[in-house]
PDB file of N, CA and C in Angstrom:
ATOM      1  N   MET A   1      71.790 143.372 123.203  1.00  0.00           N
ATOM      2  CA  MET A   1      72.876 144.305 123.329  1.00  0.00           C
ATOM      3  C   MET A   1      72.080 145.646 123.912  1.00  0.00           C
ATOM      4  N   THR A   2      72.848 146.350 124.871  1.00  0.00           N
ATOM      5  CA  THR A   2      72.201 147.592 125.401  1.00  0.00           C
ATOM      6  C   THR A   2      72.901 148.849 124.911  1.00  0.00           C
ATOM      7  N   LEU A   3      72.224 149.862 124.904  1.00  0.00           N
ATOM      8  CA  LEU A   3      72.635 151.280 124.383  1.00  0.00           C
ATOM      9  C   LEU A   3      74.032 151.667 124.858  1.00  0.00           C
ATOM     10  N   ASN A   4      74.402 151.421 126.016  1.00  0.00           N
ATOM     11  CA  ASN A   4      75.718 151.799 126.492  1.00  0.00           C
ATOM     12  C   ASN A   4      76.809 150.987 125.987  1.00  0.00           C
ATOM     13  N   LYS A   5      76.716 149.880 125.225  1.00  0.00           N
ATOM     14  CA  LYS A   5      77.632 149.042 124.669  1.00  0.00           C
ATOM     15  C   LYS A   5      78.055 149.580 123.280  1.00  0.00           C
ATOM     16  N   LEU A   6      77.382 150.489 122.817  1.00  0.00           N
ATOM     17  CA  LEU A   6      77.601 151.051 121.422  1.00  0.00           C
ATOM     18  C   LEU A   6      78.826 152.079 121.466  1.00  0.00           C
ATOM     19  N   HIS A   7      79.540 152.332 120.311  1.00  0.00           N
ATOM     20  CA  HIS A   7      80.617 153.123 120.228  1.00  0.00           C
ATOM     21  C   HIS A   7      80.080 154.436 119.354  1.00  0.00           C
ATOM     22  N   LYS A   8      81.030 155.585 119.503  1.00  0.00           N
ATOM     23  CA  LYS A   8      80.707 156.744 118.731  1.00  0.00           C
ATOM     24  C   LYS A   8      80.515 156.461 117.168  1.00  0.00           C
ATOM     25  N   GLY A   9      79.437 156.894 116.650  1.00  0.00           N
ATOM     26  CA  GLY A   9      79.338 156.836 115.196  1.00  0.00           C
ATOM     27  C   GLY A   9      78.353 155.661 114.882  1.00  0.00           C
ATOM     28  N   GLU A  10      78.024 154.826 115.871  1.00  0.00           N
ATOM     29  CA  GLU A  10      77.153 153.648 115.617  1.00  0.00           C
ATOM     30  C   GLU A  10      75.778 153.946 115.657  1.00  0.00           C
ATOM     31  N   GLU A  11      74.955 153.154 114.936  1.00  0.00           N
ATOM     32  CA  GLU A  11      73.366 153.305 114.914  1.00  0.00           C
ATOM     33  C   GLU A  11      72.874 152.069 115.340  1.00  0.00           C
ATOM     34  N   ALA A  12      71.691 152.251 115.853  1.00  0.00           N
ATOM     35  CA  ALA A  12      70.939 151.068 116.451  1.00  0.00           C
ATOM     36  C   ALA A  12      69.437 151.468 116.603  1.00  0.00           C
ATOM     37  N   LYS A  13      68.583 150.203 116.577  1.00  0.00           N
ATOM     38  CA  LYS A  13      67.217 150.405 116.769  1.00  0.00           C
ATOM     39  C   LYS A  13      66.797 150.009 118.127  1.00  0.00           C
ATOM     40  N   ILE A  14      66.023 150.713 118.779  1.00  0.00           N
ATOM     41  CA  ILE A  14      65.615 150.385 120.093  1.00  0.00           C
ATOM     42  C   ILE A  14      64.540 149.354 120.007  1.00  0.00           C
ATOM     43  N   THR A  15      64.871 148.098 120.810  1.00  0.00           N
ATOM     44  CA  THR A  15      64.059 146.903 120.847  1.00  0.00           C
ATOM     45  C   THR A  15      63.259 146.925 122.053  1.00  0.00           C
ATOM     46  N   ASN A  16      63.667 147.306 123.243  1.00  0.00           N
ATOM     47  CA  ASN A  16      62.926 147.223 124.509  1.00  0.00           C
ATOM     48  C   ASN A  16      63.667 148.169 125.478  1.00  0.00           C
ATOM     49  N   ILE A  17      62.914 148.692 126.421  1.00  0.00           N
ATOM     50  CA  ILE A  17      63.246 149.461 127.615  1.00  0.00           C
ATOM     51  C   ILE A  17      62.832 148.988 128.899  1.00  0.00           C
ATOM     52  N   GLN A  18      63.851 148.694 129.696  1.00  0.00           N
ATOM     53  CA  GLN A  18      63.525 147.720 130.921  1.00  0.00           C
ATOM     54  C   GLN A  18      63.977 148.846 132.064  1.00  0.00           C
ATOM     55  N   CYS A  19      62.855 149.548 132.598  1.00  0.00           N
ATOM     56  CA  CYS A  19      63.252 150.343 133.576  1.00  0.00           C
ATOM     57  C   CYS A  19      61.769 150.726 134.273  1.00  0.00           C
ATOM     58  N   ASP A  20      61.859 151.553 135.402  1.00  0.00           N
ATOM     59  CA  ASP A  20      60.643 151.849 136.011  1.00  0.00           C
ATOM     60  C   ASP A  20      59.758 152.704 135.272  1.00  0.00           C
ATOM     61  N   LYS A  21      58.619 152.925 135.656  1.00  0.00           N
ATOM     62  CA  LYS A  21      57.602 153.804 134.809  1.00  0.00           C
ATOM     63  C   LYS A  21      57.961 155.194 134.849  1.00  0.00           C
ATOM     64  N   VAL A  22      58.474 155.612 135.948  1.00  0.00           N
ATOM     65  CA  VAL A  22      59.040 157.013 135.947  1.00  0.00           C
ATOM     66  C   VAL A  22      59.940 157.329 134.918  1.00  0.00           C
ATOM     67  N   LEU A  23      61.194 156.650 134.875  1.00  0.00           N
ATOM     68  CA  LEU A  23      62.109 156.702 133.898  1.00  0.00           C
ATOM     69  C   LEU A  23      61.680 156.608 132.408  1.00  0.00           C
ATOM     70  N   LYS A  24      60.892 155.548 132.377  1.00  0.00           N
ATOM     71  CA  LYS A  24      60.344 155.282 131.088  1.00  0.00           C
ATOM     72  C   LYS A  24      59.473 156.343 130.559  1.00  0.00           C
ATOM     73  N   ASN A  25      58.704 157.078 131.273  1.00  0.00           N
ATOM     74  CA  ASN A  25      57.965 158.310 130.948  1.00  0.00           C
ATOM     75  C   ASN A  25      58.890 159.399 130.573  1.00  0.00           C
ATOM     76  N   ARG A  26      59.981 159.555 131.339  1.00  0.00           N
ATOM     77  CA  ARG A  26      61.002 160.526 130.943  1.00  0.00           C
ATOM     78  C   ARG A  26      61.675 160.374 129.648  1.00  0.00           C
ATOM     79  N   LEU A  27      62.031 159.051 129.351  1.00  0.00           N
ATOM     80  CA  LEU A  27      62.724 158.776 128.091  1.00  0.00           C
ATOM     81  C   LEU A  27      61.626 158.959 126.989  1.00  0.00           C
ATOM     82  N   ASN A  28      60.311 158.570 127.219  1.00  0.00           N
ATOM     83  CA  ASN A  28      59.400 158.696 126.132  1.00  0.00           C
ATOM     84  C   ASN A  28      59.249 160.186 125.660  1.00  0.00           C
ATOM     85  N   SER A  29      59.392 161.157 126.724  1.00  0.00           N
ATOM     86  CA  SER A  29      59.126 162.523 126.416  1.00  0.00           C
ATOM     87  C   SER A  29      60.333 162.985 125.711  1.00  0.00           C
ATOM     88  N   PHE A  30      61.447 162.470 125.678  1.00  0.00           N
ATOM     89  CA  PHE A  30      62.647 162.764 124.718  1.00  0.00           C
ATOM     90  C   PHE A  30      62.472 161.986 123.361  1.00  0.00           C
ATOM     91  N   GLY A  31      61.540 161.254 123.265  1.00  0.00           N
ATOM     92  CA  GLY A  31      61.407 160.579 121.993  1.00  0.00           C
ATOM     93  C   GLY A  31      62.123 159.067 122.027  1.00  0.00           C
ATOM     94  N   ILE A  32      62.678 158.778 123.228  1.00  0.00           N
ATOM     95  CA  ILE A  32      63.456 157.486 123.233  1.00  0.00           C
ATOM     96  C   ILE A  32      62.324 156.346 123.395  1.00  0.00           C
ATOM     97  N   LYS A  33      61.928 155.738 122.530  1.00  0.00           N
ATOM     98  CA  LYS A  33      60.911 154.622 122.675  1.00  0.00           C
ATOM     99  C   LYS A  33      61.137 153.377 121.520  1.00  0.00           C
ATOM    100  N   LYS A  34      60.441 152.382 121.940  1.00  0.00           N
ATOM    101  CA  LYS A  34      60.645 151.185 121.103  1.00  0.00           C
ATOM    102  C   LYS A  34      60.652 151.479 119.505  1.00  0.00           C
ATOM    103  N   GLY A  35      61.363 150.987 118.758  1.00  0.00           N
ATOM    104  CA  GLY A  35      61.269 151.239 117.221  1.00  0.00           C
ATOM    105  C   GLY A  35      62.010 152.368 116.672  1.00  0.00           C
ATOM    106  N   GLU A  36      62.463 153.246 117.496  1.00  0.00           N
ATOM    107  CA  GLU A  36      63.236 154.384 117.030  1.00  0.00           C
ATOM    108  C   GLU A  36      64.616 154.072 116.885  1.00  0.00           C
ATOM    109  N   THR A  37      65.295 154.789 115.879  1.00  0.00           N
ATOM    110  CA  THR A  37      66.732 154.604 115.673  1.00  0.00           C
ATOM    111  C   THR A  37      67.594 155.645 116.246  1.00  0.00           C
ATOM    112  N   VAL A  38      68.560 155.184 116.831  1.00  0.00           N
ATOM    113  CA  VAL A  38      69.432 156.168 117.771  1.00  0.00           C
ATOM    114  C   VAL A  38      70.818 156.044 117.082  1.00  0.00           C
ATOM    115  N   HIS A  39      71.640 157.237 117.071  1.00  0.00           N
ATOM    116  CA  HIS A  39      73.017 157.435 116.506  1.00  0.00           C
ATOM    117  C   HIS A  39      73.876 157.858 117.743  1.00  0.00           C
ATOM    118  N   ILE A  40      74.917 157.273 117.952  1.00  0.00           N
ATOM    119  CA  ILE A  40      75.733 157.733 119.131  1.00  0.00           C
ATOM    120  C   ILE A  40      76.576 158.832 118.486  1.00  0.00           C
ATOM    121  N   GLU A  41      76.380 159.975 119.015  1.00  0.00           N
ATOM    122  CA  GLU A  41      77.196 161.158 118.862  1.00  0.00           C
ATOM    123  C   GLU A  41      78.414 161.245 119.511  1.00  0.00           C
ATOM    124  N   GLU A  42      78.467 161.119 120.947  1.00  0.00           N
ATOM    125  CA  GLU A  42      79.698 161.260 121.620  1.00  0.00           C
ATOM    126  C   GLU A  42      79.607 160.291 122.872  1.00  0.00           C
ATOM    127  N   VAL A  43      80.784 159.938 123.348  1.00  0.00           N
ATOM    128  CA  VAL A  43      80.881 159.096 124.835  1.00  0.00           C
ATOM    129  C   VAL A  43      81.981 159.821 125.420  1.00  0.00           C
ATOM    130  N   THR A  44      81.688 160.323 126.811  1.00  0.00           N
ATOM    131  CA  THR A  44      82.674 161.100 127.475  1.00  0.00           C
ATOM    132  C   THR A  44      83.865 160.163 127.821  1.00  0.00           C
ATOM    133  N   LEU A  45      84.984 160.744 128.088  1.00  0.00           N
ATOM    134  CA  LEU A  45      86.142 160.086 128.435  1.00  0.00           C
ATOM    135  C   LEU A  45      86.026 159.085 129.561  1.00  0.00           C
ATOM    136  N   ALA A  46      85.343 159.488 130.509  1.00  0.00           N
ATOM    137  CA  ALA A  46      85.050 158.713 131.609  1.00  0.00           C
ATOM    138  C   ALA A  46      84.127 157.596 131.404  1.00  0.00           C
ATOM    139  N   LYS A  47      83.492 157.570 130.227  1.00  0.00           N
ATOM    140  CA  LYS A  47      82.346 156.782 129.915  1.00  0.00           C
ATOM    141  C   LYS A  47      81.322 156.559 130.873  1.00  0.00           C
ATOM    142  N   GLU A  48      80.904 157.796 131.467  1.00  0.00           N
ATOM    143  CA  GLU A  48      79.770 158.088 132.311  1.00  0.00           C
ATOM    144  C   GLU A  48      78.603 158.586 131.584  1.00  0.00           C
ATOM    145  N   THR A  49      78.664 159.265 130.578  1.00  0.00           N
ATOM    146  CA  THR A  49      77.629 159.809 129.827  1.00  0.00           C
ATOM    147  C   THR A  49      77.818 159.649 128.301  1.00  0.00           C
ATOM    148  N   ILE A  50      76.748 159.352 127.600  1.00  0.00           N
ATOM    149  CA  ILE A  50      76.722 159.249 126.163  1.00  0.00           C
ATOM    150  C   ILE A  50      75.681 160.204 125.637  1.00  0.00           C
ATOM    151  N   GLU A  51      76.044 160.891 124.309  1.00  0.00           N
ATOM    152  CA  GLU A  51      75.216 161.807 123.722  1.00  0.00           C
ATOM    153  C   GLU A  51      74.545 160.881 122.449  1.00  0.00           C
ATOM    154  N   ILE A  52      73.321 160.928 122.517  1.00  0.00           N
ATOM    155  CA  ILE A  52      72.592 160.229 121.392  1.00  0.00           C
ATOM    156  C   ILE A  52      71.927 161.077 120.509  1.00  0.00           C
ATOM    157  N   LYS A  53      71.531 160.638 119.323  1.00  0.00           N
ATOM    158  CA  LYS A  53      70.746 161.759 118.426  1.00  0.00           C
ATOM    159  C   LYS A  53      69.477 160.783 118.007  1.00  0.00           C
ATOM    160  N   ILE A  54      68.316 161.178 118.132  1.00  0.00           N
ATOM    161  CA  ILE A  54      67.208 160.521 117.692  1.00  0.00           C
ATOM    162  C   ILE A  54      66.511 161.656 116.920  1.00  0.00           C
ATOM    163  N   ASN A  55      66.194 161.384 115.531  1.00  0.00           N
ATOM    164  CA  ASN A  55      65.723 162.267 114.640  1.00  0.00           C
ATOM    165  C   ASN A  55      66.521 163.466 114.503  1.00  0.00           C
ATOM    166  N   ARG A  56      66.182 164.696 114.995  1.00  0.00           N
ATOM    167  CA  ARG A  56      66.858 165.897 115.117  1.00  0.00           C
ATOM    168  C   ARG A  56      67.322 166.333 116.485  1.00  0.00           C
ATOM    169  N   THR A  57      67.001 165.368 117.505  1.00  0.00           N
ATOM    170  CA  THR A  57      67.099 165.778 118.864  1.00  0.00           C
ATOM    171  C   THR A  57      68.375 165.154 119.418  1.00  0.00           C
ATOM    172  N   LYS A  58      69.147 165.842 120.102  1.00  0.00           N
ATOM    173  CA  LYS A  58      70.296 165.349 120.700  1.00  0.00           C
ATOM    174  C   LYS A  58      70.138 165.245 122.284  1.00  0.00           C
ATOM    175  N   ILE A  59      70.462 164.195 122.923  1.00  0.00           N
ATOM    176  CA  ILE A  59      70.199 163.933 124.276  1.00  0.00           C
ATOM    177  C   ILE A  59      71.379 163.236 125.020  1.00  0.00           C
ATOM    178  N   ALA A  60      71.726 163.741 126.220  1.00  0.00           N
ATOM    179  CA  ALA A  60      72.757 163.071 127.012  1.00  0.00           C
ATOM    180  C   ALA A  60      72.160 162.266 127.996  1.00  0.00           C
ATOM    181  N   LEU A  61      72.682 161.032 127.896  1.00  0.00           N
ATOM    182  CA  LEU A  61      72.109 159.962 129.047  1.00  0.00           C
ATOM    183  C   LEU A  61      73.154 159.543 129.973  1.00  0.00           C
ATOM    184  N   ARG A  62      72.761 159.212 130.976  1.00  0.00           N
ATOM    185  CA  ARG A  62      73.926 158.419 131.979  1.00  0.00           C
ATOM    186  C   ARG A  62      74.054 157.163 131.463  1.00  0.00           C
ATOM    187  N   VAL A  63      75.096 156.564 131.690  1.00  0.00           N
ATOM    188  CA  VAL A  63      75.401 155.099 131.180  1.00  0.00           C
ATOM    189  C   VAL A  63      74.415 154.217 131.956  1.00  0.00           C
ATOM    190  N   SER A  64      74.122 154.523 133.209  1.00  0.00           N
ATOM    191  CA  SER A  64      73.161 153.764 134.070  1.00  0.00           C
ATOM    192  C   SER A  64      71.798 153.809 133.411  1.00  0.00           C
ATOM    193  N   GLU A  65      71.391 154.799 132.774  1.00  0.00           N
ATOM    194  CA  GLU A  65      70.124 154.885 132.123  1.00  0.00           C
ATOM    195  C   GLU A  65      70.225 154.178 130.776  1.00  0.00           C
ATOM    196  N   ALA A  66      71.164 154.292 130.065  1.00  0.00           N
ATOM    197  CA  ALA A  66      71.446 153.750 128.670  1.00  0.00           C
ATOM    198  C   ALA A  66      71.562 152.187 128.753  1.00  0.00           C
ATOM    199  N   SER A  67      71.920 151.730 129.994  1.00  0.00           N
ATOM    200  CA  SER A  67      72.057 150.186 130.229  1.00  0.00           C
ATOM    201  C   SER A  67      70.631 149.529 130.175  1.00  0.00           C
ATOM    202  N   ASN A  68      69.617 150.317 130.363  1.00  0.00           N
ATOM    203  CA  ASN A  68      68.350 149.774 130.490  1.00  0.00           C
ATOM    204  C   ASN A  68      67.489 149.857 129.075  1.00  0.00           C
ATOM    205  N   ILE A  69      68.305 150.340 128.038  1.00  0.00           N
ATOM    206  CA  ILE A  69      67.726 150.292 126.739  1.00  0.00           C
ATOM    207  C   ILE A  69      68.318 149.241 125.921  1.00  0.00           C
ATOM    208  N   GLU A  70      67.519 148.292 125.561  1.00  0.00           N
ATOM    209  CA  GLU A  70      68.032 147.154 124.549  1.00  0.00           C
ATOM    210  C   GLU A  70      67.931 147.743 123.171  1.00  0.00           C
ATOM    211  N   VAL A  71      69.049 147.341 122.421  1.00  0.00           N
ATOM    212  CA  VAL A  71      69.148 147.926 120.955  1.00  0.00           C
ATOM    213  C   VAL A  71      69.532 146.915 120.106  1.00  0.00           C
ATOM    214  N   GLU A  72      69.340 146.909 118.784  1.00  0.00           N
ATOM    215  CA  GLU A  72      69.889 146.035 117.687  1.00  0.00           C
ATOM    216  C   GLU A  72      70.585 146.891 116.731  1.00  0.00           C
ATOM    217  N   LYS A  73      71.773 146.657 116.463  1.00  0.00           N
ATOM    218  CA  LYS A  73      72.749 147.465 115.447  1.00  0.00           C
ATOM    219  C   LYS A  73      72.010 147.345 114.157  1.00  0.00           C
ATOM    220  N   CYS A  74      72.008 148.477 113.491  1.00  0.00           N
ATOM    221  CA  CYS A  74      71.491 148.763 112.192  1.00  0.00           C
ATOM    222  C   CYS A  74      72.650 148.264 111.112  1.00  0.00           C
TER     223      CYS A  74
END
């Protein structure tokens, strides 16, 4: 399952990130890495952007970026 398939209020653990090195480094700088637990805070009405929370950090991701992040529901 990928991060973009989750709904508001759900939590999941990141199991893998499939993307190029530049995007992977950018995600890592935000704390988005394998083993972290993410909480879905909001999903825009057009479902183009999702807001996630990792620890105390809130991050907005494009759905295209979130589709590269494989997760497992908690």
